[in-house]
Amino acid sequence: MAATPPSLNDFTFLMPLRVRWAEVDPQGIVFNGHYLTYADVGITEYFRALGVRYPEDLAQDGGDFFAVRTLLEYLAPARFDDELSIGVRVGRLGGSSLTFNIGIWRGEAALTAGEIVYVHADGTSRSSKRLPDWLREKVRAFERRAAED
């Protein structure tokens, strides 16, 4: 993961989120595990923005996504009642995997950078299977910065 903070301009998809009281620790700072929840909510909303009903659309061919890698870099803390922007983009389309790049900002200040890798797999056997072409096409049409193959 690069030490350079993510740029808001790299993301086609951004969603707002306000930090709630239940998400902060005694110092008033967002507990680290909540950033992964923010990323997960962002990915769900990213699929919605693509017009993908998750998990129904992927389940049509017996597939599902499984998280296989997560990495978050904490650049600065978020605090109670901060208004955040959660950015999600597909940085890489693999044969059976999607690598999501994550950015979290308060205004222009980058707070968190991350990456989450999901593998598309058979829902029963959990063996990897190729990403559906229709999903690849939706991602490529949506992103203003092309995902790597």
N, C-alpha and C. Protein backbone atom coordinates (compact mmCIF):
# COMPACT_ATOMS: atom_id res chain seq x y z
N MET A 1 0.84 -1.18 0.00
CA MET A 1 0.00 0.00 0.00
C MET A 1 0.89 1.24 0.00
N ALA A 2 0.56 2.17 -0.86
CA ALA A 2 1.34 3.39 -0.96
C ALA A 2 1.11 4.29 0.26
N ALA A 3 2.15 5.01 0.64
CA ALA A 3 2.04 5.92 1.78
C ALA A 3 1.34 7.22 1.38
N THR A 4 1.12 7.45 0.09
CA THR A 4 0.45 8.65 -0.38
C THR A 4 -1.04 8.57 -0.06
N PRO A 5 -1.59 9.59 0.58
CA PRO A 5 -3.03 9.57 0.87
C PRO A 5 -3.84 9.52 -0.42
N PRO A 6 -5.00 8.88 -0.38
CA PRO A 6 -5.83 8.82 -1.58
C PRO A 6 -6.37 10.20 -1.93
N SER A 7 -6.63 10.41 -3.22
CA SER A 7 -7.19 11.67 -3.68
C SER A 7 -8.69 11.50 -3.92
N LEU A 8 -9.46 12.46 -3.47
CA LEU A 8 -10.90 12.44 -3.73
C LEU A 8 -11.19 12.33 -5.22
N ASN A 9 -10.32 12.90 -6.05
CA ASN A 9 -10.53 12.91 -7.51
C ASN A 9 -10.39 11.53 -8.13
N ASP A 10 -9.80 10.57 -7.42
CA ASP A 10 -9.64 9.21 -7.95
C ASP A 10 -10.92 8.39 -7.84
N PHE A 11 -11.92 8.91 -7.15
CA PHE A 11 -13.12 8.13 -6.85
C PHE A 11 -14.35 8.68 -7.56
N THR A 12 -15.00 7.81 -8.32
CA THR A 12 -16.27 8.14 -8.94
C THR A 12 -17.37 8.06 -7.90
N PHE A 13 -17.24 7.11 -6.97
CA PHE A 13 -18.28 6.88 -5.98
C PHE A 13 -17.85 7.39 -4.61
N LEU A 14 -18.65 8.27 -4.04
CA LEU A 14 -18.46 8.78 -2.68
C LEU A 14 -19.80 8.75 -1.98
N MET A 15 -19.79 8.38 -0.72
CA MET A 15 -21.03 8.40 0.06
C MET A 15 -20.77 9.12 1.38
N PRO A 16 -21.76 9.86 1.87
CA PRO A 16 -21.59 10.56 3.15
C PRO A 16 -21.88 9.63 4.32
N LEU A 17 -21.23 9.92 5.44
CA LEU A 17 -21.49 9.18 6.67
C LEU A 17 -21.14 10.09 7.84
N ARG A 18 -22.03 10.16 8.81
CA ARG A 18 -21.75 10.95 10.02
C ARG A 18 -21.37 10.00 11.14
N VAL A 19 -20.30 10.30 11.85
CA VAL A 19 -19.83 9.46 12.95
C VAL A 19 -20.83 9.54 14.10
N ARG A 20 -21.25 8.37 14.56
CA ARG A 20 -22.22 8.27 15.67
C ARG A 20 -21.49 8.05 17.00
N TRP A 21 -22.17 8.40 18.08
CA TRP A 21 -21.59 8.29 19.43
C TRP A 21 -21.13 6.87 19.73
N ALA A 22 -21.88 5.87 19.31
CA ALA A 22 -21.56 4.47 19.61
C ALA A 22 -20.28 4.01 18.91
N GLU A 23 -19.75 4.79 17.99
CA GLU A 23 -18.57 4.38 17.22
C GLU A 23 -17.26 4.94 17.77
N VAL A 24 -17.34 5.76 18.81
CA VAL A 24 -16.12 6.37 19.34
C VAL A 24 -15.70 5.72 20.66
N ASP A 25 -14.40 5.80 20.92
CA ASP A 25 -13.85 5.26 22.16
C ASP A 25 -13.85 6.37 23.23
N PRO A 26 -13.33 6.08 24.44
CA PRO A 26 -13.36 7.10 25.50
C PRO A 26 -12.62 8.40 25.15
N GLN A 27 -11.69 8.35 24.18
CA GLN A 27 -11.00 9.57 23.78
C GLN A 27 -11.80 10.37 22.75
N GLY A 28 -12.98 9.85 22.34
CA GLY A 28 -13.80 10.54 21.36
C GLY A 28 -13.37 10.27 19.92
N ILE A 29 -12.50 9.28 19.73
CA ILE A 29 -11.98 8.93 18.41
C ILE A 29 -12.67 7.65 17.95
N VAL A 30 -12.96 7.58 16.64
CA VAL A 30 -13.60 6.38 16.10
C VAL A 30 -12.73 5.17 16.38
N PHE A 31 -13.33 4.14 16.98
CA PHE A 31 -12.64 2.88 17.26
C PHE A 31 -12.22 2.26 15.92
N ASN A 32 -11.01 1.74 15.85
CA ASN A 32 -10.42 1.31 14.58
C ASN A 32 -11.27 0.30 13.81
N GLY A 33 -11.96 -0.60 14.48
CA GLY A 33 -12.76 -1.60 13.78
C GLY A 33 -13.92 -1.03 12.99
N HIS A 34 -14.38 0.15 13.36
CA HIS A 34 -15.51 0.76 12.66
C HIS A 34 -15.15 1.22 11.25
N TYR A 35 -13.88 1.50 11.01
CA TYR A 35 -13.48 1.92 9.66
C TYR A 35 -13.73 0.80 8.65
N LEU A 36 -13.55 -0.43 9.07
CA LEU A 36 -13.84 -1.56 8.18
C LEU A 36 -15.34 -1.67 7.93
N THR A 37 -16.15 -1.39 8.94
CA THR A 37 -17.60 -1.34 8.75
C THR A 37 -17.96 -0.23 7.76
N TYR A 38 -17.34 0.93 7.89
CA TYR A 38 -17.59 2.03 6.95
C TYR A 38 -17.26 1.58 5.52
N ALA A 39 -16.13 0.88 5.37
CA ALA A 39 -15.74 0.40 4.04
C ALA A 39 -16.75 -0.60 3.50
N ASP A 40 -17.23 -1.48 4.36
CA ASP A 40 -18.21 -2.49 3.94
C ASP A 40 -19.52 -1.84 3.50
N VAL A 41 -19.98 -0.86 4.25
CA VAL A 41 -21.19 -0.12 3.87
C VAL A 41 -20.94 0.58 2.53
N GLY A 42 -19.76 1.16 2.36
CA GLY A 42 -19.42 1.82 1.10
C GLY A 42 -19.45 0.87 -0.08
N ILE A 43 -18.94 -0.35 0.10
CA ILE A 43 -18.94 -1.33 -0.99
C ILE A 43 -20.37 -1.75 -1.32
N THR A 44 -21.21 -1.93 -0.32
CA THR A 44 -22.61 -2.26 -0.56
C THR A 44 -23.28 -1.15 -1.38
N GLU A 45 -23.03 0.09 -1.03
CA GLU A 45 -23.61 1.22 -1.75
C GLU A 45 -23.00 1.38 -3.14
N TYR A 46 -21.74 1.02 -3.29
CA TYR A 46 -21.09 1.03 -4.61
C TYR A 46 -21.82 0.07 -5.55
N PHE A 47 -22.09 -1.15 -5.07
CA PHE A 47 -22.85 -2.11 -5.88
C PHE A 47 -24.21 -1.53 -6.26
N ARG A 48 -24.87 -0.87 -5.32
CA ARG A 48 -26.17 -0.26 -5.59
C ARG A 48 -26.04 0.80 -6.69
N ALA A 49 -24.97 1.62 -6.62
CA ALA A 49 -24.74 2.65 -7.64
C ALA A 49 -24.49 2.03 -9.02
N LEU A 50 -23.90 0.83 -9.04
CA LEU A 50 -23.69 0.11 -10.31
C LEU A 50 -24.98 -0.47 -10.87
N GLY A 51 -26.01 -0.53 -10.03
CA GLY A 51 -27.25 -1.19 -10.44
C GLY A 51 -27.20 -2.69 -10.21
N VAL A 52 -26.33 -3.12 -9.30
CA VAL A 52 -26.19 -4.53 -8.95
C VAL A 52 -26.92 -4.77 -7.64
N ARG A 53 -27.87 -5.69 -7.64
CA ARG A 53 -28.55 -6.08 -6.41
C ARG A 53 -27.69 -7.16 -5.75
N TYR A 54 -27.02 -6.75 -4.68
CA TYR A 54 -26.15 -7.70 -3.99
C TYR A 54 -26.89 -8.23 -2.77
N PRO A 55 -26.94 -9.53 -2.56
CA PRO A 55 -26.23 -10.61 -3.27
C PRO A 55 -27.04 -11.28 -4.39
N GLU A 56 -28.29 -10.84 -4.60
CA GLU A 56 -29.19 -11.55 -5.53
C GLU A 56 -28.60 -11.73 -6.93
N ASP A 57 -28.06 -10.66 -7.52
CA ASP A 57 -27.56 -10.76 -8.90
C ASP A 57 -26.41 -11.75 -9.03
N LEU A 58 -25.52 -11.77 -8.05
CA LEU A 58 -24.39 -12.71 -8.11
C LEU A 58 -24.84 -14.14 -7.83
N ALA A 59 -25.87 -14.29 -7.04
CA ALA A 59 -26.35 -15.63 -6.68
C ALA A 59 -27.03 -16.34 -7.85
N GLN A 60 -27.39 -15.58 -8.91
CA GLN A 60 -28.06 -16.19 -10.07
C GLN A 60 -27.24 -17.32 -10.69
N ASP A 61 -25.92 -17.18 -10.66
CA ASP A 61 -25.08 -18.25 -11.22
C ASP A 61 -24.42 -19.08 -10.11
N GLY A 62 -24.96 -18.98 -8.89
CA GLY A 62 -24.43 -19.75 -7.77
C GLY A 62 -23.22 -19.12 -7.12
N GLY A 63 -22.89 -17.88 -7.51
CA GLY A 63 -21.69 -17.24 -6.99
C GLY A 63 -21.95 -16.35 -5.79
N ASP A 64 -20.87 -15.98 -5.14
CA ASP A 64 -20.91 -15.04 -4.03
C ASP A 64 -19.51 -14.45 -3.92
N PHE A 65 -19.37 -13.41 -3.08
CA PHE A 65 -18.06 -12.82 -2.82
C PHE A 65 -17.61 -13.19 -1.42
N PHE A 66 -16.32 -13.45 -1.30
CA PHE A 66 -15.71 -13.73 0.00
C PHE A 66 -14.51 -12.80 0.16
N ALA A 67 -14.46 -12.09 1.29
CA ALA A 67 -13.31 -11.23 1.58
C ALA A 67 -12.11 -12.11 1.89
N VAL A 68 -10.99 -11.83 1.22
CA VAL A 68 -9.78 -12.61 1.45
C VAL A 68 -8.62 -11.76 1.96
N ARG A 69 -8.77 -10.43 1.85
CA ARG A 69 -7.69 -9.56 2.32
C ARG A 69 -8.25 -8.19 2.62
N THR A 70 -7.86 -7.64 3.76
CA THR A 70 -8.21 -6.26 4.08
C THR A 70 -6.97 -5.55 4.61
N LEU A 71 -6.84 -4.31 4.22
CA LEU A 71 -5.72 -3.49 4.68
C LEU A 71 -6.23 -2.08 4.86
N LEU A 72 -6.08 -1.54 6.04
CA LEU A 72 -6.46 -0.15 6.30
C LEU A 72 -5.26 0.58 6.89
N GLU A 73 -5.02 1.76 6.39
CA GLU A 73 -3.95 2.61 6.89
C GLU A 73 -4.61 3.84 7.52
N TYR A 74 -4.36 4.06 8.80
CA TYR A 74 -4.97 5.16 9.52
C TYR A 74 -4.07 6.38 9.43
N LEU A 75 -4.56 7.41 8.77
CA LEU A 75 -3.75 8.61 8.53
C LEU A 75 -4.03 9.71 9.54
N ALA A 76 -5.29 9.80 9.98
CA ALA A 76 -5.71 10.79 10.98
C ALA A 76 -7.03 10.30 11.57
N PRO A 77 -7.34 10.69 12.80
CA PRO A 77 -8.56 10.17 13.44
C PRO A 77 -9.83 10.90 13.01
N ALA A 78 -10.91 10.15 12.98
CA ALA A 78 -12.25 10.73 12.86
C ALA A 78 -12.82 10.79 14.27
N ARG A 79 -13.69 11.76 14.50
CA ARG A 79 -14.25 11.98 15.84
C ARG A 79 -15.77 12.04 15.78
N PHE A 80 -16.37 11.94 16.95
CA PHE A 80 -17.82 12.00 17.06
C PHE A 80 -18.39 13.21 16.29
N ASP A 81 -19.43 12.95 15.52
CA ASP A 81 -20.21 13.93 14.77
C ASP A 81 -19.49 14.46 13.53
N ASP A 82 -18.29 13.96 13.22
CA ASP A 82 -17.64 14.35 11.96
C ASP A 82 -18.48 13.88 10.79
N GLU A 83 -18.52 14.69 9.75
CA GLU A 83 -19.15 14.30 8.50
C GLU A 83 -18.05 13.78 7.58
N LEU A 84 -18.16 12.50 7.24
CA LEU A 84 -17.14 11.84 6.45
C LEU A 84 -17.62 11.57 5.03
N SER A 85 -16.68 11.41 4.12
CA SER A 85 -16.95 10.92 2.78
C SER A 85 -16.22 9.60 2.65
N ILE A 86 -16.96 8.56 2.25
CA ILE A 86 -16.39 7.23 2.05
C ILE A 86 -16.28 7.02 0.55
N GLY A 87 -15.07 6.85 0.06
CA GLY A 87 -14.84 6.62 -1.36
C GLY A 87 -14.54 5.16 -1.62
N VAL A 88 -15.14 4.62 -2.68
CA VAL A 88 -14.92 3.22 -3.07
C VAL A 88 -14.70 3.20 -4.58
N ARG A 89 -13.69 2.48 -5.01
CA ARG A 89 -13.46 2.27 -6.43
C ARG A 89 -12.85 0.89 -6.64
N VAL A 90 -13.08 0.32 -7.80
CA VAL A 90 -12.42 -0.93 -8.13
C VAL A 90 -11.08 -0.57 -8.75
N GLY A 91 -10.02 -0.93 -8.05
CA GLY A 91 -8.67 -0.66 -8.52
C GLY A 91 -8.12 -1.75 -9.40
N ARG A 92 -8.66 -2.96 -9.24
CA ARG A 92 -8.17 -4.09 -10.04
C ARG A 92 -9.29 -5.10 -10.23
N LEU A 93 -9.44 -5.53 -11.48
CA LEU A 93 -10.34 -6.63 -11.84
C LEU A 93 -9.46 -7.82 -12.16
N GLY A 94 -9.44 -8.81 -11.30
CA GLY A 94 -8.68 -10.02 -11.57
C GLY A 94 -9.56 -11.03 -12.28
N GLY A 95 -9.04 -12.22 -12.47
CA GLY A 95 -9.83 -13.27 -13.10
C GLY A 95 -11.06 -13.60 -12.27
N SER A 96 -10.86 -13.78 -10.97
CA SER A 96 -11.97 -14.09 -10.08
C SER A 96 -12.06 -13.12 -8.92
N SER A 97 -11.26 -12.07 -8.93
CA SER A 97 -11.22 -11.16 -7.78
C SER A 97 -11.49 -9.71 -8.16
N LEU A 98 -11.97 -8.98 -7.17
CA LEU A 98 -12.15 -7.53 -7.26
C LEU A 98 -11.33 -6.92 -6.13
N THR A 99 -10.48 -5.97 -6.47
CA THR A 99 -9.76 -5.23 -5.44
C THR A 99 -10.38 -3.85 -5.33
N PHE A 100 -10.97 -3.58 -4.18
CA PHE A 100 -11.58 -2.28 -3.92
C PHE A 100 -10.56 -1.39 -3.24
N ASN A 101 -10.39 -0.17 -3.75
CA ASN A 101 -9.62 0.86 -3.06
C ASN A 101 -10.61 1.67 -2.23
N ILE A 102 -10.23 1.97 -1.00
CA ILE A 102 -11.09 2.68 -0.07
C ILE A 102 -10.39 3.96 0.36
N GLY A 103 -11.13 5.04 0.47
CA GLY A 103 -10.63 6.29 1.03
C GLY A 103 -11.69 6.87 1.94
N ILE A 104 -11.27 7.42 3.05
CA ILE A 104 -12.20 8.08 3.98
C ILE A 104 -11.63 9.48 4.27
N TRP A 105 -12.48 10.49 4.09
CA TRP A 105 -12.07 11.88 4.28
C TRP A 105 -13.03 12.60 5.20
N ARG A 106 -12.50 13.62 5.85
CA ARG A 106 -13.29 14.65 6.53
C ARG A 106 -12.96 15.93 5.78
N GLY A 107 -13.92 16.40 4.99
CA GLY A 107 -13.62 17.52 4.10
C GLY A 107 -12.57 17.08 3.10
N GLU A 108 -11.48 17.82 3.02
CA GLU A 108 -10.37 17.48 2.11
C GLU A 108 -9.29 16.64 2.81
N ALA A 109 -9.42 16.45 4.11
CA ALA A 109 -8.39 15.75 4.87
C ALA A 109 -8.57 14.23 4.76
N ALA A 110 -7.56 13.55 4.23
CA ALA A 110 -7.60 12.08 4.13
C ALA A 110 -7.38 11.49 5.52
N LEU A 111 -8.31 10.63 5.94
CA LEU A 111 -8.22 10.01 7.26
C LEU A 111 -7.78 8.55 7.18
N THR A 112 -8.24 7.85 6.16
CA THR A 112 -7.97 6.41 6.04
C THR A 112 -7.82 6.05 4.57
N ALA A 113 -6.87 5.16 4.30
CA ALA A 113 -6.69 4.59 2.96
C ALA A 113 -6.72 3.08 3.13
N GLY A 114 -7.29 2.39 2.17
CA GLY A 114 -7.36 0.94 2.33
C GLY A 114 -7.60 0.20 1.05
N GLU A 115 -7.62 -1.10 1.23
CA GLU A 115 -7.81 -2.02 0.11
C GLU A 115 -8.51 -3.26 0.66
N ILE A 116 -9.53 -3.70 -0.06
CA ILE A 116 -10.23 -4.93 0.31
C ILE A 116 -10.33 -5.78 -0.93
N VAL A 117 -9.89 -7.03 -0.82
CA VAL A 117 -9.94 -7.95 -1.95
C VAL A 117 -11.03 -8.97 -1.69
N TYR A 118 -11.93 -9.07 -2.66
CA TYR A 118 -13.00 -10.06 -2.64
C TYR A 118 -12.76 -11.05 -3.77
N VAL A 119 -12.99 -12.32 -3.50
CA VAL A 119 -12.91 -13.35 -4.53
C VAL A 119 -14.32 -13.81 -4.84
N HIS A 120 -14.64 -13.89 -6.12
CA HIS A 120 -15.92 -14.44 -6.58
C HIS A 120 -15.77 -15.95 -6.58
N ALA A 121 -16.67 -16.63 -5.91
CA ALA A 121 -16.54 -18.08 -5.75
C ALA A 121 -17.92 -18.74 -5.76
N ASP A 122 -17.90 -20.03 -5.96
CA ASP A 122 -19.12 -20.82 -5.85
C ASP A 122 -19.58 -20.72 -4.40
N GLY A 123 -20.87 -20.43 -4.22
CA GLY A 123 -21.40 -20.22 -2.89
C GLY A 123 -21.37 -21.45 -2.01
N THR A 124 -21.35 -22.64 -2.60
CA THR A 124 -21.36 -23.88 -1.83
C THR A 124 -19.95 -24.41 -1.59
N SER A 125 -19.19 -24.58 -2.67
CA SER A 125 -17.85 -25.17 -2.54
C SER A 125 -16.79 -24.15 -2.15
N ARG A 126 -17.12 -22.86 -2.33
CA ARG A 126 -16.19 -21.76 -2.07
C ARG A 126 -14.96 -21.80 -2.97
N SER A 127 -15.04 -22.54 -4.07
CA SER A 127 -13.94 -22.54 -5.04
C SER A 127 -14.12 -21.35 -5.97
N SER A 128 -13.00 -20.70 -6.30
CA SER A 128 -13.08 -19.47 -7.09
C SER A 128 -13.65 -19.75 -8.47
N LYS A 129 -14.35 -18.73 -8.97
CA LYS A 129 -14.89 -18.80 -10.32
C LYS A 129 -14.76 -17.42 -10.96
N ARG A 130 -14.65 -17.39 -12.25
CA ARG A 130 -14.44 -16.16 -12.99
C ARG A 130 -15.53 -15.13 -12.69
N LEU A 131 -15.10 -13.86 -12.58
CA LEU A 131 -16.06 -12.78 -12.42
C LEU A 131 -16.98 -12.76 -13.64
N PRO A 132 -18.27 -12.56 -13.43
CA PRO A 132 -19.18 -12.51 -14.58
C PRO A 132 -18.85 -11.34 -15.51
N ASP A 133 -18.96 -11.56 -16.81
CA ASP A 133 -18.68 -10.50 -17.78
C ASP A 133 -19.59 -9.30 -17.59
N TRP A 134 -20.86 -9.54 -17.22
CA TRP A 134 -21.78 -8.41 -17.03
C TRP A 134 -21.30 -7.49 -15.90
N LEU A 135 -20.67 -8.07 -14.86
CA LEU A 135 -20.17 -7.27 -13.76
C LEU A 135 -18.94 -6.47 -14.20
N ARG A 136 -18.05 -7.11 -14.94
CA ARG A 136 -16.86 -6.43 -15.47
C ARG A 136 -17.29 -5.21 -16.31
N GLU A 137 -18.28 -5.41 -17.15
CA GLU A 137 -18.76 -4.33 -18.01
C GLU A 137 -19.34 -3.18 -17.20
N LYS A 138 -20.10 -3.49 -16.16
CA LYS A 138 -20.69 -2.45 -15.31
C LYS A 138 -19.59 -1.64 -14.61
N VAL A 139 -18.57 -2.33 -14.08
CA VAL A 139 -17.47 -1.64 -13.40
C VAL A 139 -16.74 -0.74 -14.38
N ARG A 140 -16.39 -1.26 -15.54
CA ARG A 140 -15.64 -0.46 -16.52
C ARG A 140 -16.43 0.75 -16.99
N ALA A 141 -17.74 0.61 -17.14
CA ALA A 141 -18.57 1.73 -17.57
C ALA A 141 -18.72 2.78 -16.48
N PHE A 142 -18.65 2.37 -15.23
CA PHE A 142 -18.89 3.27 -14.10
C PHE A 142 -17.66 4.07 -13.70
N GLU A 143 -16.52 3.42 -13.68
CA GLU A 143 -15.29 4.05 -13.18
C GLU A 143 -14.75 5.06 -14.19
N ARG A 144 -14.37 6.25 -13.68
CA ARG A 144 -13.75 7.23 -14.59
C ARG A 144 -12.25 6.99 -14.71
N ARG A 145 -11.70 6.25 -13.77
CA ARG A 145 -10.29 5.86 -13.82
C ARG A 145 -10.30 4.36 -13.98
N ALA A 146 -9.79 3.86 -15.08
CA ALA A 146 -9.92 2.44 -15.42
C ALA A 146 -9.28 1.54 -14.38
N ALA A 147 -9.99 0.44 -14.08
CA ALA A 147 -9.45 -0.58 -13.18
C ALA A 147 -8.41 -1.38 -13.94
N GLU A 148 -7.36 -1.78 -13.25
CA GLU A 148 -6.34 -2.64 -13.85
C GLU A 148 -6.91 -4.03 -14.07
N ASP A 149 -6.44 -4.71 -15.09
CA ASP A 149 -6.81 -6.12 -15.31
C ASP A 149 -5.66 -7.01 -14.94
